[in-house]
């Protein structure tokens, strides 16, 4: 027979796997940009043209016409897109972990795990995401 401690560890481990796996089963959001490889270091050193920074158009996705900064979702679970820069505002959808997204600018909003910055999504998409869960792939300016 297993001890109570061992049964608890097994139960906790199974629950953790179920919770972690639930994000993998979620349907892709209409807000999610197609994942793209990072720009090689040698081409990032110089100025990039709008054409080279533009995302390729695909079904259901807008074409990027101006070079906007990008970021990668680094949350463990789907990242919620919010109407305003606070977790109390209305949800507009989610972004899957690893998704590369366009970022228009950043604002100061609700503190999320020690980070008060939120990104306004780019490429004409509505909503904000907590900067705590997005890795910058290029510099993001403050909103005007």
N, C-alpha and C. Protein backbone atom coordinates (compact mmCIF):
# COMPACT_ATOMS: atom_id res chain seq x y z
N UNK A 1 0.83 -1.19 0.00
CA UNK A 1 0.00 0.00 0.00
C UNK A 1 0.88 1.26 0.00
N UNK A 2 0.38 2.27 -0.67
CA UNK A 2 1.08 3.55 -0.68
C UNK A 2 0.75 4.32 0.58
N UNK A 3 1.69 5.13 1.01
CA UNK A 3 1.42 6.00 2.15
C UNK A 3 0.55 7.17 1.68
N UNK A 4 -0.06 7.86 2.62
CA UNK A 4 -0.91 9.01 2.28
C UNK A 4 -0.10 10.08 1.56
N UNK A 5 1.15 10.24 1.95
CA UNK A 5 2.02 11.24 1.33
C UNK A 5 2.28 10.89 -0.14
N UNK A 6 2.54 9.62 -0.41
CA UNK A 6 2.81 9.20 -1.79
C UNK A 6 1.56 9.34 -2.65
N UNK A 7 0.39 9.00 -2.12
CA UNK A 7 -0.86 9.15 -2.88
C UNK A 7 -1.11 10.62 -3.19
N UNK A 8 -0.82 11.51 -2.23
CA UNK A 8 -1.00 12.94 -2.44
C UNK A 8 -0.08 13.44 -3.55
N UNK A 9 1.17 13.00 -3.55
CA UNK A 9 2.13 13.41 -4.59
C UNK A 9 1.67 12.97 -5.96
N UNK A 10 1.17 11.73 -6.07
CA UNK A 10 0.70 11.22 -7.36
C UNK A 10 -0.53 12.01 -7.82
N UNK A 11 -1.47 12.24 -6.92
CA UNK A 11 -2.68 12.99 -7.26
C UNK A 11 -2.33 14.41 -7.69
N UNK A 12 -1.44 15.06 -6.96
CA UNK A 12 -1.03 16.42 -7.30
C UNK A 12 -0.34 16.45 -8.66
N UNK A 13 0.50 15.47 -8.93
CA UNK A 13 1.19 15.42 -10.23
C UNK A 13 0.22 15.23 -11.38
N UNK A 14 -0.77 14.37 -11.21
CA UNK A 14 -1.77 14.14 -12.27
C UNK A 14 -2.60 15.40 -12.49
N UNK A 15 -3.01 16.06 -11.40
CA UNK A 15 -3.78 17.29 -11.53
C UNK A 15 -2.97 18.35 -12.26
N UNK A 16 -1.68 18.46 -11.96
CA UNK A 16 -0.83 19.44 -12.65
C UNK A 16 -0.73 19.16 -14.14
N UNK A 17 -0.61 17.90 -14.51
CA UNK A 17 -0.56 17.54 -15.93
C UNK A 17 -1.86 17.85 -16.64
N UNK A 18 -2.98 17.60 -15.97
CA UNK A 18 -4.28 17.90 -16.58
C UNK A 18 -4.45 19.39 -16.79
N UNK A 19 -4.05 20.18 -15.81
CA UNK A 19 -4.17 21.63 -15.94
C UNK A 19 -3.24 22.15 -17.02
N UNK A 20 -1.99 21.70 -17.03
CA UNK A 20 -1.02 22.16 -18.03
C UNK A 20 -1.45 21.72 -19.43
N UNK A 21 -1.98 20.54 -19.56
CA UNK A 21 -2.40 20.03 -20.86
C UNK A 21 -3.64 20.69 -21.40
N UNK A 22 -4.46 21.29 -20.52
CA UNK A 22 -5.70 21.91 -20.98
C UNK A 22 -5.43 23.07 -21.93
N UNK A 23 -4.32 23.78 -21.76
CA UNK A 23 -3.97 24.89 -22.67
C UNK A 23 -3.60 24.39 -24.05
N UNK A 24 -3.09 23.17 -24.15
CA UNK A 24 -2.70 22.62 -25.44
C UNK A 24 -3.90 22.21 -26.27
N UNK A 25 -5.02 21.95 -25.60
CA UNK A 25 -6.22 21.52 -26.30
C UNK A 25 -7.09 22.67 -26.76
N UNK A 26 -6.80 23.87 -26.31
CA UNK A 26 -7.60 25.03 -26.67
C UNK A 26 -7.47 25.32 -28.16
N UNK A 27 -8.57 25.74 -28.76
CA UNK A 27 -8.56 26.07 -30.19
C UNK A 27 -7.75 27.34 -30.40
N UNK A 28 -7.05 27.46 -31.53
CA UNK A 28 -6.29 28.68 -31.81
C UNK A 28 -7.22 29.88 -31.88
N UNK A 29 -6.79 31.00 -31.38
CA UNK A 29 -7.58 32.21 -31.37
C UNK A 29 -7.49 32.91 -32.72
N UNK A 30 -8.53 33.66 -33.04
CA UNK A 30 -8.52 34.45 -34.27
C UNK A 30 -7.50 35.58 -34.18
N UNK A 31 -7.05 35.90 -32.94
CA UNK A 31 -6.09 36.96 -32.74
C UNK A 31 -4.65 36.48 -32.86
N UNK A 32 -4.43 35.20 -32.93
CA UNK A 32 -3.08 34.67 -32.92
C UNK A 32 -2.42 34.85 -34.28
N UNK A 33 -1.22 35.39 -34.28
CA UNK A 33 -0.44 35.50 -35.50
C UNK A 33 0.28 34.18 -35.71
N UNK A 34 0.56 33.86 -36.94
CA UNK A 34 1.28 32.62 -37.23
C UNK A 34 2.69 32.70 -36.65
N UNK A 35 3.15 31.65 -35.96
CA UNK A 35 4.52 31.68 -35.43
C UNK A 35 5.53 31.83 -36.57
N UNK A 36 6.53 32.66 -36.35
CA UNK A 36 7.56 32.89 -37.35
C UNK A 36 8.92 32.75 -36.71
N UNK A 37 9.91 32.32 -37.46
CA UNK A 37 11.25 32.23 -36.89
C UNK A 37 11.80 33.62 -36.58
N UNK A 38 12.67 33.70 -35.59
CA UNK A 38 13.29 34.96 -35.23
C UNK A 38 14.22 35.42 -36.34
N UNK A 39 14.43 36.73 -36.44
CA UNK A 39 15.32 37.31 -37.44
C UNK A 39 16.75 36.94 -37.08
N UNK A 40 17.55 36.44 -38.04
CA UNK A 40 18.95 36.11 -37.74
C UNK A 40 19.69 37.32 -37.21
N UNK A 41 20.66 37.10 -36.33
CA UNK A 41 21.39 38.18 -35.68
C UNK A 41 22.10 39.09 -36.67
N UNK A 42 22.63 38.52 -37.77
CA UNK A 42 23.37 39.35 -38.73
C UNK A 42 22.45 40.32 -39.47
N UNK A 43 21.20 39.95 -39.73
CA UNK A 43 20.29 40.86 -40.43
C UNK A 43 19.63 41.83 -39.47
N UNK A 44 19.63 41.53 -38.15
CA UNK A 44 19.02 42.43 -37.17
C UNK A 44 19.92 43.61 -36.86
N UNK A 45 21.20 43.53 -37.19
CA UNK A 45 22.14 44.59 -36.85
C UNK A 45 21.88 45.85 -37.66
N UNK A 46 21.50 45.71 -38.92
CA UNK A 46 21.25 46.87 -39.76
C UNK A 46 19.79 47.27 -39.73
N UNK A 47 19.47 48.30 -40.47
CA UNK A 47 18.08 48.73 -40.56
C UNK A 47 17.31 47.74 -41.41
N UNK A 48 16.11 47.42 -40.98
CA UNK A 48 15.28 46.49 -41.75
C UNK A 48 14.23 47.27 -42.51
N UNK A 49 13.95 46.82 -43.70
CA UNK A 49 12.94 47.49 -44.50
C UNK A 49 11.56 47.02 -44.09
N UNK A 50 10.55 47.78 -44.43
CA UNK A 50 9.17 47.40 -44.12
C UNK A 50 8.82 46.09 -44.81
N UNK A 51 9.36 45.87 -45.98
CA UNK A 51 9.04 44.64 -46.71
C UNK A 51 9.62 43.41 -46.02
N UNK A 52 10.85 43.51 -45.51
CA UNK A 52 11.44 42.36 -44.85
C UNK A 52 10.84 42.11 -43.48
N UNK A 53 10.26 43.15 -42.85
CA UNK A 53 9.64 42.98 -41.54
C UNK A 53 8.18 42.57 -41.64
N UNK A 54 7.64 42.60 -42.85
CA UNK A 54 6.22 42.28 -43.02
C UNK A 54 5.99 40.79 -42.92
N UNK A 55 4.88 40.43 -42.31
CA UNK A 55 4.52 39.01 -42.19
C UNK A 55 3.87 38.55 -43.48
N UNK A 56 4.11 37.31 -43.90
CA UNK A 56 3.46 36.84 -45.10
C UNK A 56 1.96 36.71 -44.86
N UNK A 57 1.17 37.06 -45.85
CA UNK A 57 -0.28 36.97 -45.71
C UNK A 57 -0.71 35.52 -45.82
N UNK A 58 -1.65 35.14 -44.97
CA UNK A 58 -2.23 33.81 -45.05
C UNK A 58 -3.72 33.93 -44.83
N UNK A 59 -4.43 32.86 -45.00
CA UNK A 59 -5.87 32.87 -44.88
C UNK A 59 -6.29 33.42 -43.52
N UNK A 60 -7.17 34.43 -43.51
CA UNK A 60 -7.68 34.98 -42.27
C UNK A 60 -6.71 35.87 -41.53
N UNK A 61 -5.61 36.26 -42.16
CA UNK A 61 -4.61 37.09 -41.49
C UNK A 61 -4.35 38.33 -42.32
N UNK A 62 -4.26 39.49 -41.64
CA UNK A 62 -3.99 40.74 -42.33
C UNK A 62 -2.52 40.82 -42.70
N UNK A 63 -2.21 41.58 -43.75
CA UNK A 63 -0.82 41.80 -44.14
C UNK A 63 -0.28 43.00 -43.39
N UNK A 64 0.90 42.88 -42.82
CA UNK A 64 1.55 43.97 -42.11
C UNK A 64 2.16 44.92 -43.14
N UNK A 65 1.76 46.21 -43.09
CA UNK A 65 2.26 47.16 -44.08
C UNK A 65 3.37 48.05 -43.54
N UNK A 66 3.43 48.28 -42.25
CA UNK A 66 4.51 49.07 -41.67
C UNK A 66 5.24 48.21 -40.65
N UNK A 67 6.51 48.49 -40.47
CA UNK A 67 7.31 47.70 -39.53
C UNK A 67 6.91 48.06 -38.11
N UNK A 68 6.28 47.12 -37.42
CA UNK A 68 5.94 47.27 -36.01
C UNK A 68 6.77 46.28 -35.22
N UNK A 69 7.00 46.57 -33.95
CA UNK A 69 7.76 45.63 -33.12
C UNK A 69 7.02 44.30 -32.98
N UNK A 70 7.76 43.28 -32.63
CA UNK A 70 7.18 41.96 -32.42
C UNK A 70 7.52 41.44 -31.04
N UNK A 71 6.75 40.49 -30.58
CA UNK A 71 7.01 39.82 -29.32
C UNK A 71 6.54 38.38 -29.40
N UNK A 72 7.03 37.55 -28.49
CA UNK A 72 6.64 36.14 -28.43
C UNK A 72 5.96 35.88 -27.09
N UNK A 73 4.80 35.22 -27.13
CA UNK A 73 4.07 34.88 -25.92
C UNK A 73 4.86 33.82 -25.15
N UNK A 74 5.21 34.12 -23.89
CA UNK A 74 6.02 33.21 -23.08
C UNK A 74 5.25 32.68 -21.87
N UNK A 75 3.95 32.86 -21.83
CA UNK A 75 3.15 32.30 -20.74
C UNK A 75 3.06 30.79 -20.90
N UNK A 76 2.78 30.10 -19.81
CA UNK A 76 2.64 28.65 -19.87
C UNK A 76 1.26 28.24 -20.37
N UNK A 77 0.28 29.07 -20.10
CA UNK A 77 -1.10 28.83 -20.54
C UNK A 77 -1.47 29.90 -21.55
N UNK A 78 -2.59 29.76 -22.26
CA UNK A 78 -2.99 30.81 -23.21
C UNK A 78 -3.07 32.17 -22.53
N UNK A 79 -2.54 33.19 -23.20
CA UNK A 79 -2.50 34.56 -22.68
C UNK A 79 -3.77 35.29 -23.10
N UNK A 80 -4.47 35.87 -22.13
CA UNK A 80 -5.73 36.56 -22.40
C UNK A 80 -5.47 37.95 -22.96
N UNK A 81 -6.16 38.27 -24.04
CA UNK A 81 -6.14 39.62 -24.62
C UNK A 81 -7.24 40.40 -23.91
N UNK A 82 -6.91 41.59 -23.40
CA UNK A 82 -7.87 42.39 -22.63
C UNK A 82 -8.26 43.66 -23.39
N UNK A 83 -9.47 44.16 -23.11
CA UNK A 83 -9.97 45.38 -23.72
C UNK A 83 -9.17 46.60 -23.25
N UNK A 84 -8.75 46.60 -21.98
CA UNK A 84 -7.96 47.69 -21.39
C UNK A 84 -6.74 47.08 -20.71
N UNK A 85 -5.83 47.91 -20.24
CA UNK A 85 -4.58 47.44 -19.64
C UNK A 85 -4.77 47.04 -18.18
N UNK A 86 -5.73 46.15 -17.94
CA UNK A 86 -6.00 45.62 -16.62
C UNK A 86 -6.63 44.25 -16.75
N UNK A 87 -6.33 43.37 -15.81
CA UNK A 87 -6.88 42.01 -15.88
C UNK A 87 -8.36 41.98 -15.52
N UNK A 88 -8.91 43.09 -15.03
CA UNK A 88 -10.33 43.16 -14.71
C UNK A 88 -11.19 43.53 -15.91
N UNK A 89 -10.58 43.92 -17.01
CA UNK A 89 -11.36 44.32 -18.18
C UNK A 89 -11.80 43.10 -18.99
N UNK A 90 -12.69 43.34 -19.93
CA UNK A 90 -13.29 42.27 -20.74
C UNK A 90 -12.25 41.54 -21.58
N UNK A 91 -12.40 40.22 -21.65
CA UNK A 91 -11.51 39.38 -22.46
C UNK A 91 -11.93 39.47 -23.93
N UNK A 92 -10.93 39.61 -24.82
CA UNK A 92 -11.18 39.66 -26.26
C UNK A 92 -10.70 38.40 -26.96
N UNK A 93 -10.15 37.46 -26.21
CA UNK A 93 -9.62 36.23 -26.81
C UNK A 93 -8.33 35.83 -26.11
N UNK A 94 -7.63 34.87 -26.70
CA UNK A 94 -6.38 34.39 -26.12
C UNK A 94 -5.33 34.21 -27.20
N UNK A 95 -4.08 34.16 -26.76
CA UNK A 95 -2.94 33.88 -27.63
C UNK A 95 -2.23 32.65 -27.06
N UNK A 96 -1.87 31.72 -27.91
CA UNK A 96 -1.22 30.50 -27.47
C UNK A 96 0.25 30.74 -27.15
N UNK A 97 0.80 30.01 -26.18
CA UNK A 97 2.23 30.13 -25.87
C UNK A 97 3.08 29.89 -27.11
N UNK A 98 4.12 30.71 -27.28
CA UNK A 98 5.01 30.58 -28.43
C UNK A 98 4.60 31.40 -29.64
N UNK A 99 3.40 31.97 -29.62
CA UNK A 99 2.90 32.76 -30.75
C UNK A 99 3.70 34.05 -30.89
N UNK A 100 4.10 34.39 -32.10
CA UNK A 100 4.76 35.67 -32.38
C UNK A 100 3.67 36.66 -32.77
N UNK A 101 3.67 37.81 -32.09
CA UNK A 101 2.62 38.81 -32.30
C UNK A 101 3.22 40.17 -32.64
N UNK A 102 2.40 41.00 -33.31
CA UNK A 102 2.79 42.38 -33.59
C UNK A 102 2.39 43.23 -32.39
N UNK A 103 3.25 44.17 -32.00
CA UNK A 103 3.00 45.06 -30.87
C UNK A 103 3.04 46.50 -31.37
N UNK A 104 1.98 47.24 -31.11
CA UNK A 104 1.92 48.63 -31.58
C UNK A 104 2.71 49.55 -30.65
N UNK A 105 2.42 49.47 -29.34
CA UNK A 105 3.10 50.31 -28.37
C UNK A 105 2.84 49.77 -26.97
N UNK A 106 3.46 50.40 -25.95
CA UNK A 106 3.28 49.95 -24.57
C UNK A 106 2.71 51.07 -23.72
N UNK A 107 1.96 50.69 -22.67
CA UNK A 107 1.37 51.64 -21.73
C UNK A 107 1.60 51.12 -20.31
N UNK A 108 1.48 52.03 -19.35
CA UNK A 108 1.53 51.64 -17.95
C UNK A 108 0.11 51.28 -17.53
N UNK A 109 -0.05 50.11 -16.94
CA UNK A 109 -1.36 49.64 -16.51
C UNK A 109 -1.26 48.91 -15.20
N UNK A 110 -2.14 47.93 -15.01
CA UNK A 110 -2.17 47.15 -13.78
C UNK A 110 -0.88 46.36 -13.60
N UNK A 111 -0.39 46.30 -12.37
CA UNK A 111 0.81 45.54 -12.05
C UNK A 111 0.51 44.04 -12.13
N UNK A 112 1.27 43.33 -12.95
CA UNK A 112 1.13 41.88 -13.09
C UNK A 112 2.48 41.26 -12.72
N UNK A 113 2.53 40.63 -11.55
CA UNK A 113 3.76 39.99 -11.06
C UNK A 113 4.97 40.93 -11.12
N UNK A 114 4.79 42.17 -10.70
CA UNK A 114 5.90 43.12 -10.65
C UNK A 114 6.14 43.90 -11.92
N UNK A 115 5.33 43.71 -12.95
CA UNK A 115 5.50 44.41 -14.22
C UNK A 115 4.23 45.21 -14.51
N UNK A 116 4.36 46.55 -14.63
CA UNK A 116 3.21 47.43 -14.86
C UNK A 116 2.96 47.73 -16.34
N UNK A 117 3.79 47.18 -17.23
CA UNK A 117 3.63 47.47 -18.65
C UNK A 117 2.65 46.52 -19.33
N UNK A 118 1.90 47.05 -20.26
CA UNK A 118 0.98 46.29 -21.11
C UNK A 118 1.24 46.69 -22.55
N UNK A 119 1.10 45.76 -23.48
CA UNK A 119 1.29 46.05 -24.90
C UNK A 119 -0.05 46.15 -25.61
N UNK A 120 -0.20 47.22 -26.40
CA UNK A 120 -1.33 47.35 -27.30
C UNK A 120 -0.97 46.53 -28.54
N UNK A 121 -1.82 45.60 -28.92
CA UNK A 121 -1.52 44.75 -30.06
C UNK A 121 -1.43 45.58 -31.34
N UNK A 122 -0.59 45.14 -32.26
CA UNK A 122 -0.39 45.83 -33.53
C UNK A 122 -1.16 45.17 -34.65
N UNK A 123 -0.89 45.61 -35.85
CA UNK A 123 -1.49 45.07 -37.07
C UNK A 123 -3.00 45.23 -37.06
N UNK A 124 -3.49 46.29 -36.40
CA UNK A 124 -4.92 46.59 -36.40
C UNK A 124 -5.75 45.70 -35.48
N UNK A 125 -5.13 44.87 -34.68
CA UNK A 125 -5.88 44.00 -33.76
C UNK A 125 -6.21 44.77 -32.49
N UNK A 126 -7.41 44.62 -31.97
CA UNK A 126 -7.76 45.31 -30.73
C UNK A 126 -7.23 44.58 -29.52
N UNK A 127 -6.97 45.32 -28.44
CA UNK A 127 -6.67 44.71 -27.16
C UNK A 127 -5.25 44.89 -26.67
N UNK A 128 -5.10 44.56 -25.39
CA UNK A 128 -3.83 44.66 -24.67
C UNK A 128 -3.46 43.31 -24.09
N UNK A 129 -2.16 43.07 -23.95
CA UNK A 129 -1.65 41.88 -23.27
C UNK A 129 -0.62 42.33 -22.24
N UNK A 130 -0.55 41.62 -21.12
CA UNK A 130 0.40 41.95 -20.06
C UNK A 130 1.82 41.68 -20.56
N UNK A 131 2.69 42.68 -20.45
CA UNK A 131 4.07 42.55 -20.90
C UNK A 131 4.82 41.49 -20.11
N UNK A 132 4.34 41.15 -18.93
CA UNK A 132 4.97 40.12 -18.10
C UNK A 132 5.07 38.80 -18.85
N UNK A 133 4.15 38.55 -19.77
CA UNK A 133 4.08 37.27 -20.47
C UNK A 133 4.43 37.36 -21.96
N UNK A 134 5.13 38.45 -22.35
CA UNK A 134 5.55 38.62 -23.74
C UNK A 134 7.03 38.97 -23.77
N UNK A 135 7.81 38.21 -24.53
CA UNK A 135 9.24 38.49 -24.70
C UNK A 135 9.39 39.41 -25.91
N UNK A 136 10.06 40.55 -25.71
CA UNK A 136 10.30 41.48 -26.83
C UNK A 136 11.23 40.83 -27.85
N UNK A 137 10.89 40.95 -29.12
CA UNK A 137 11.79 40.55 -30.19
C UNK A 137 12.39 41.79 -30.85
N UNK A 138 11.83 42.95 -30.51
CA UNK A 138 12.36 44.26 -30.94
C UNK A 138 11.85 45.30 -29.96
N UNK A 139 12.45 46.49 -29.98
CA UNK A 139 12.09 47.56 -29.05
C UNK A 139 10.65 48.03 -29.29
N UNK A 140 9.92 48.25 -28.21
CA UNK A 140 8.51 48.69 -28.29
C UNK A 140 8.41 50.10 -27.72
N UNK A 141 7.93 51.09 -28.49
CA UNK A 141 7.81 52.46 -27.98
C UNK A 141 6.59 52.60 -27.06
N UNK A 142 6.61 53.67 -26.24
CA UNK A 142 5.43 53.99 -25.43
C UNK A 142 4.35 54.57 -26.36
N UNK A 143 3.09 54.34 -26.01
CA UNK A 143 1.97 54.91 -26.77
C UNK A 143 1.95 56.42 -26.57
N UNK A 144 1.53 57.13 -27.59
CA UNK A 144 1.46 58.60 -27.53
C UNK A 144 0.09 59.04 -27.08
